[in-house]
C-alpha atoms as a PDB file:
ATOM      1  CA  MET A   1      91.013 138.708  94.266  1.00  0.00           C
ATOM      2  CA  ARG A   2      88.392 136.132  93.315  1.00  0.00           C
ATOM      3  CA  SER A   3      89.947 135.582  89.855  1.00  0.00           C
ATOM      4  CA  ALA A   4      93.380 135.049  91.461  1.00  0.00           C
ATOM      5  CA  ARG A   5      91.926 132.254  93.624  1.00  0.00           C
ATOM      6  CA  TRP A   6      90.384 130.607  90.564  1.00  0.00           C
ATOM      7  CA  ALA A   7      93.691 130.872  88.713  1.00  0.00           C
ATOM      8  CA  VAL A   8      95.516 129.145  91.591  1.00  0.00           C
ATOM      9  CA  LEU A   9      92.824 126.443  91.763  1.00  0.00           C
ATOM     10  CA  LEU A  10      93.086 125.897  88.002  1.00  0.00           C
ATOM     11  CA  VAL A  11      96.874 125.454  88.289  1.00  0.00           C
ATOM     12  CA  PHE A  12      96.399 122.859  91.052  1.00  0.00           C
ATOM     13  CA  VAL A  13      93.816 120.909  89.046  1.00  0.00           C
ATOM     14  CA  CYS A  14      95.764 121.019  85.762  1.00  0.00           C
ATOM     15  CA  THR A  15      99.068 119.975  87.339  1.00  0.00           C
ATOM     16  CA  GLY A  16      97.512 117.203  89.452  1.00  0.00           C
ATOM     17  CA  LEU A  17      98.327 118.942  92.740  1.00  0.00           C
ATOM     18  CA  ALA A  18      94.704 118.778  93.841  1.00  0.00           C
ATOM     19  CA  GLY A  19      95.243 115.252  95.178  1.00  0.00           C
ATOM     20  CA  ALA A  20      94.815 113.201  92.018  1.00  0.00           C
ATOM     21  CA  ASP A  21      97.772 110.883  91.539  1.00  0.00           C
ATOM     22  CA  SER A  22      99.211 110.920  88.035  1.00  0.00           C
ATOM     23  CA  VAL A  23      99.367 107.605  86.212  1.00  0.00           C
ATOM     24  CA  LYS A  24     101.805 105.645  84.098  1.00  0.00           C
ATOM     25  CA  THR A  25     101.096 102.819  81.688  1.00  0.00           C
ATOM     26  CA  TYR A  26     102.680  99.414  82.192  1.00  0.00           C
ATOM     27  CA  LYS A  27     103.030  97.317  79.047  1.00  0.00           C
ATOM     28  CA  GLY A  28     102.865  93.600  79.733  1.00  0.00           C
ATOM     29  CA  ALA A  29     103.298  90.824  77.212  1.00  0.00           C
ATOM     30  CA  TRP A  30      99.600  90.876  76.223  1.00  0.00           C
ATOM     31  CA  PHE A  31      98.153  93.885  78.027  1.00  0.00           C
ATOM     32  CA  ASP A  32      98.504  97.516  79.039  1.00  0.00           C
ATOM     33  CA  ILE A  33      97.325  98.850  82.388  1.00  0.00           C
ATOM     34  CA  LYS A  34      97.471 102.253  84.056  1.00  0.00           C
ATOM     35  CA  TYR A  35      98.838 102.488  87.599  1.00  0.00           C
ATOM     36  CA  PRO A  36      99.616 105.338  90.019  1.00  0.00           C
ATOM     37  CA  ALA A  37     102.920 106.936  88.954  1.00  0.00           C
ATOM     38  CA  SER A  38     104.275 106.875  92.505  1.00  0.00           C
ATOM     39  CA  PHE A  39     103.906 103.068  92.782  1.00  0.00           C
ATOM     40  CA  LYS A  40     106.857 100.706  92.308  1.00  0.00           C
ATOM     41  CA  VAL A  41     106.536  98.085  89.556  1.00  0.00           C
ATOM     42  CA  LYS A  42     107.265  94.494  90.596  1.00  0.00           C
ATOM     43  CA  PRO A  43     107.099  91.975  87.701  1.00  0.00           C
ATOM     44  CA  GLN A  44     105.712  88.627  88.869  1.00  0.00           C
ATOM     45  CA  GLN A  45     105.384  86.016  86.099  1.00  0.00           C
ATOM     46  CA  LYS A  46     107.111  85.928  82.727  1.00  0.00           C
ATOM     47  CA  SER A  47     104.918  85.255  79.744  1.00  0.00           C
ATOM     48  CA  ALA A  48     104.986  81.743  78.342  1.00  0.00           C
ATOM     49  CA  SER A  49     104.099  83.009  74.872  1.00  0.00           C
ATOM     50  CA  ALA A  50     105.816  86.391  74.368  1.00  0.00           C
ATOM     51  CA  GLN A  51     108.490  88.794  75.618  1.00  0.00           C
ATOM     52  CA  GLY A  52     107.497  90.465  78.881  1.00  0.00           C
ATOM     53  CA  TYR A  53     105.275  89.532  81.783  1.00  0.00           C
ATOM     54  CA  ASP A  54     101.772  88.130  82.175  1.00  0.00           C
ATOM     55  CA  ALA A  55     101.577  89.183  85.839  1.00  0.00           C
ATOM     56  CA  VAL A  56     102.812  92.250  87.679  1.00  0.00           C
ATOM     57  CA  SER A  57     102.317  93.958  91.047  1.00  0.00           C
ATOM     58  CA  PHE A  58     102.409  97.649  91.860  1.00  0.00           C
ATOM     59  CA  LEU A  59     103.464  98.673  95.387  1.00  0.00           C
ATOM     60  CA  SER A  60     102.452 101.941  97.022  1.00  0.00           C
ATOM     61  CA  PRO A  61     105.343 104.149  98.187  1.00  0.00           C
ATOM     62  CA  ASP A  62     104.250 103.820 101.838  1.00  0.00           C
ATOM     63  CA  GLY A  63     104.080 100.009 101.553  1.00  0.00           C
ATOM     64  CA  LEU A  64     100.437  99.889 102.632  1.00  0.00           C
ATOM     65  CA  VAL A  65      98.955  98.386  99.470  1.00  0.00           C
ATOM     66  CA  GLU A  66      99.760  96.276  96.429  1.00  0.00           C
ATOM     67  CA  PHE A  67      97.741  96.129  93.196  1.00  0.00           C
ATOM     68  CA  TYR A  68      98.077  92.998  91.080  1.00  0.00           C
ATOM     69  CA  VAL A  69      97.084  91.995  87.565  1.00  0.00           C
ATOM     70  CA  TYR A  70      97.403  88.708  85.699  1.00  0.00           C
ATOM     71  CA  SER A  71      96.516  88.966  82.031  1.00  0.00           C
ATOM     72  CA  PRO A  72      98.080  86.323  79.777  1.00  0.00           C
ATOM     73  CA  GLN A  73      97.344  85.773  76.109  1.00  0.00           C
ATOM     74  CA  TRP A  74      94.927  82.977  76.954  1.00  0.00           C
ATOM     75  CA  SER A  75      94.592  81.147  80.251  1.00  0.00           C
ATOM     76  CA  GLY A  76      97.167  79.962  82.768  1.00  0.00           C
ATOM     77  CA  GLU A  77      97.954  79.659  86.469  1.00  0.00           C
ATOM     78  CA  PRO A  78      98.603  82.897  88.358  1.00  0.00           C
ATOM     79  CA  GLN A  79     101.075  82.287  91.184  1.00  0.00           C
ATOM     80  CA  TRP A  80      99.981  85.350  93.202  1.00  0.00           C
ATOM     81  CA  ILE A  81      96.634  83.776  94.142  1.00  0.00           C
ATOM     82  CA  GLN A  82      98.155  80.677  95.734  1.00  0.00           C
ATOM     83  CA  ARG A  83      97.560  80.368  99.464  1.00  0.00           C
ATOM     84  CA  ARG A  84     100.554  81.559 101.478  1.00  0.00           C
ATOM     85  CA  PRO A  85     101.802  80.258 104.846  1.00  0.00           C
ATOM     86  CA  GLY A  86      99.775  81.706 107.713  1.00  0.00           C
ATOM     87  CA  GLU A  87      96.828  82.770 105.564  1.00  0.00           C
ATOM     88  CA  THR A  88      93.221  81.922 106.331  1.00  0.00           C
ATOM     89  CA  GLN A  89      90.427  82.298 103.833  1.00  0.00           C
ATOM     90  CA  THR A  90      87.829  84.753 105.097  1.00  0.00           C
ATOM     91  CA  GLY A  91      85.674  85.178 102.001  1.00  0.00           C
ATOM     92  CA  TYR A  92      84.619  83.292  98.892  1.00  0.00           C
ATOM     93  CA  SER A  93      81.891  83.817  96.316  1.00  0.00           C
ATOM     94  CA  GLN A  94      81.317  83.032  92.688  1.00  0.00           C
ATOM     95  CA  GLU A  95      79.075  84.465  89.993  1.00  0.00           C
ATOM     96  CA  ARG A  96      78.252  83.432  86.430  1.00  0.00           C
ATOM     97  CA  ALA A  97      77.276  85.564  83.465  1.00  0.00           C
ATOM     98  CA  GLY A  98      76.982  83.501  80.289  1.00  0.00           C
ATOM     99  CA  ASP A  99      80.268  81.657  79.863  1.00  0.00           C
ATOM    100  CA  LYS A 100      82.083  84.042  82.232  1.00  0.00           C
ATOM    101  CA  VAL A 101      82.811  82.822  85.776  1.00  0.00           C
ATOM    102  CA  ILE A 102      84.118  85.276  88.375  1.00  0.00           C
ATOM    103  CA  THR A 103      85.498  83.929  91.650  1.00  0.00           C
ATOM    104  CA  TYR A 104      86.105  86.353  94.531  1.00  0.00           C
ATOM    105  CA  VAL A 105      88.451  85.307  97.333  1.00  0.00           C
ATOM    106  CA  THR A 106      89.674  87.125 100.450  1.00  0.00           C
ATOM    107  CA  ARG A 107      92.481  85.818 102.651  1.00  0.00           C
ATOM    108  CA  LYS A 108      93.900  87.231 105.842  1.00  0.00           C
ATOM    109  CA  GLY A 109      97.581  86.789 106.544  1.00  0.00           C
ATOM    110  CA  PRO A 110      99.965  88.041 109.216  1.00  0.00           C
ATOM    111  CA  GLY A 111      99.662  91.842 108.973  1.00  0.00           C
ATOM    112  CA  TYR A 112      97.655  92.057 105.733  1.00  0.00           C
ATOM    113  CA  THR A 113      94.489  91.139 103.879  1.00  0.00           C
ATOM    114  CA  ARG A 114      94.534  89.994 100.276  1.00  0.00           C
ATOM    115  CA  SER A 115      91.527  89.926  97.944  1.00  0.00           C
ATOM    116  CA  TYR A 116      91.282  88.974  94.310  1.00  0.00           C
ATOM    117  CA  ALA A 117      88.821  88.482  91.476  1.00  0.00           C
ATOM    118  CA  ASP A 118      89.616  85.551  89.175  1.00  0.00           C
ATOM    119  CA  ILE A 119      87.779  86.045  85.863  1.00  0.00           C
ATOM    120  CA  ARG A 120      87.485  83.172  83.370  1.00  0.00           C
ATOM    121  CA  GLN A 121      85.767  83.057  80.009  1.00  0.00           C
ATOM    122  CA  LEU A 122      85.364  79.337  79.508  1.00  0.00           C
ATOM    123  CA  GLN A 123      84.609  79.108  75.765  1.00  0.00           C
ATOM    124  CA  LEU A 124      87.419  81.531  74.871  1.00  0.00           C
ATOM    125  CA  ASN A 125      89.861  79.907  77.339  1.00  0.00           C
ATOM    126  CA  THR A 126      90.889  83.303  78.761  1.00  0.00           C
ATOM    127  CA  ARG A 127      91.681  84.335  82.318  1.00  0.00           C
ATOM    128  CA  TRP A 128      92.393  87.584  84.156  1.00  0.00           C
ATOM    129  CA  VAL A 129      93.032  88.170  87.831  1.00  0.00           C
ATOM    130  CA  PHE A 130      92.945  91.456  89.724  1.00  0.00           C
ATOM    131  CA  GLY A 131      94.357  91.467  93.251  1.00  0.00           C
ATOM    132  CA  TYR A 132      94.475  93.942  96.116  1.00  0.00           C
ATOM    133  CA  ARG A 133      96.655  93.445  99.214  1.00  0.00           C
ATOM    134  CA  TYR A 134      96.368  95.961 102.059  1.00  0.00           C
ATOM    135  CA  LYS A 135      97.771  96.330 105.583  1.00  0.00           C
ATOM    136  CA  ASN A 136      94.559  97.570 107.232  1.00  0.00           C
ATOM    137  CA  GLN A 137      91.075  98.922 106.542  1.00  0.00           C
ATOM    138  CA  ALA A 138      92.283 102.538 106.546  1.00  0.00           C
ATOM    139  CA  ALA A 139      94.754 101.729 103.741  1.00  0.00           C
ATOM    140  CA  HIS A 140      92.047  99.786 101.895  1.00  0.00           C
ATOM    141  CA  LYS A 141      89.712 102.775 102.019  1.00  0.00           C
ATOM    142  CA  GLN A 142      92.439 105.290 101.125  1.00  0.00           C
ATOM    143  CA  TYR A 143      93.630 103.457  97.991  1.00  0.00           C
ATOM    144  CA  ARG A 144      90.357 101.873  96.822  1.00  0.00           C
ATOM    145  CA  PRO A 145      89.506 104.624  94.296  1.00  0.00           C
ATOM    146  CA  GLN A 146      92.928 104.211  92.656  1.00  0.00           C
ATOM    147  CA  TYR A 147      92.506 100.432  92.634  1.00  0.00           C
ATOM    148  CA  MET A 148      89.140 100.712  90.894  1.00  0.00           C
ATOM    149  CA  LYS A 149      90.655 102.952  88.195  1.00  0.00           C
ATOM    150  CA  PHE A 150      93.547 100.488  87.879  1.00  0.00           C
ATOM    151  CA  LYS A 151      91.152  97.584  87.215  1.00  0.00           C
ATOM    152  CA  GLN A 152      89.094  99.551  84.724  1.00  0.00           C
ATOM    153  CA  SER A 153      92.165 100.585  82.724  1.00  0.00           C
ATOM    154  CA  LEU A 154      93.195  97.081  81.568  1.00  0.00           C
ATOM    155  CA  LYS A 155      93.542  96.715  77.794  1.00  0.00           C
ATOM    156  CA  GLN A 156      94.013  93.100  76.711  1.00  0.00           C
ATOM    157  CA  TYR A 157      95.672  92.235  73.388  1.00  0.00           C
ATOM    158  CA  ALA A 158      95.670  89.057  71.318  1.00  0.00           C
ATOM    159  CA  ASP A 159      97.752  87.936  68.386  1.00  0.00           C
END
């Protein structure tokens, strides 16, 4: 009986039925990133220097969260981080590490909160932005582990 339970548990773990969401890879103009397979892809900004997109969002099937990435060949202006009507800024901080500057911003809008990290390497003239929009704190907590894996999976390419 005990071995039958282990066999069932092994099937759940190997097939991803133990709660881990499977992932897909999105290929942008200058990057690849892994996102939860159940999320809907929403391209945001076409690349100025190649076929494809420099920015894309990924929406959860229940509509509670959105993951965002901006990863162009070099630098640029991500539209997603612009202040939207009805938003108020509730958080701002900045840190430096060598020539890298990371700006963290949180804004609250009608029915959501939006946070992002804007990462710039000044001497290399590169920029990446990771964003996270969520309806409430419960959604934030529920999807945070997937968001962290999403951010860590970015692979940036150059010419």
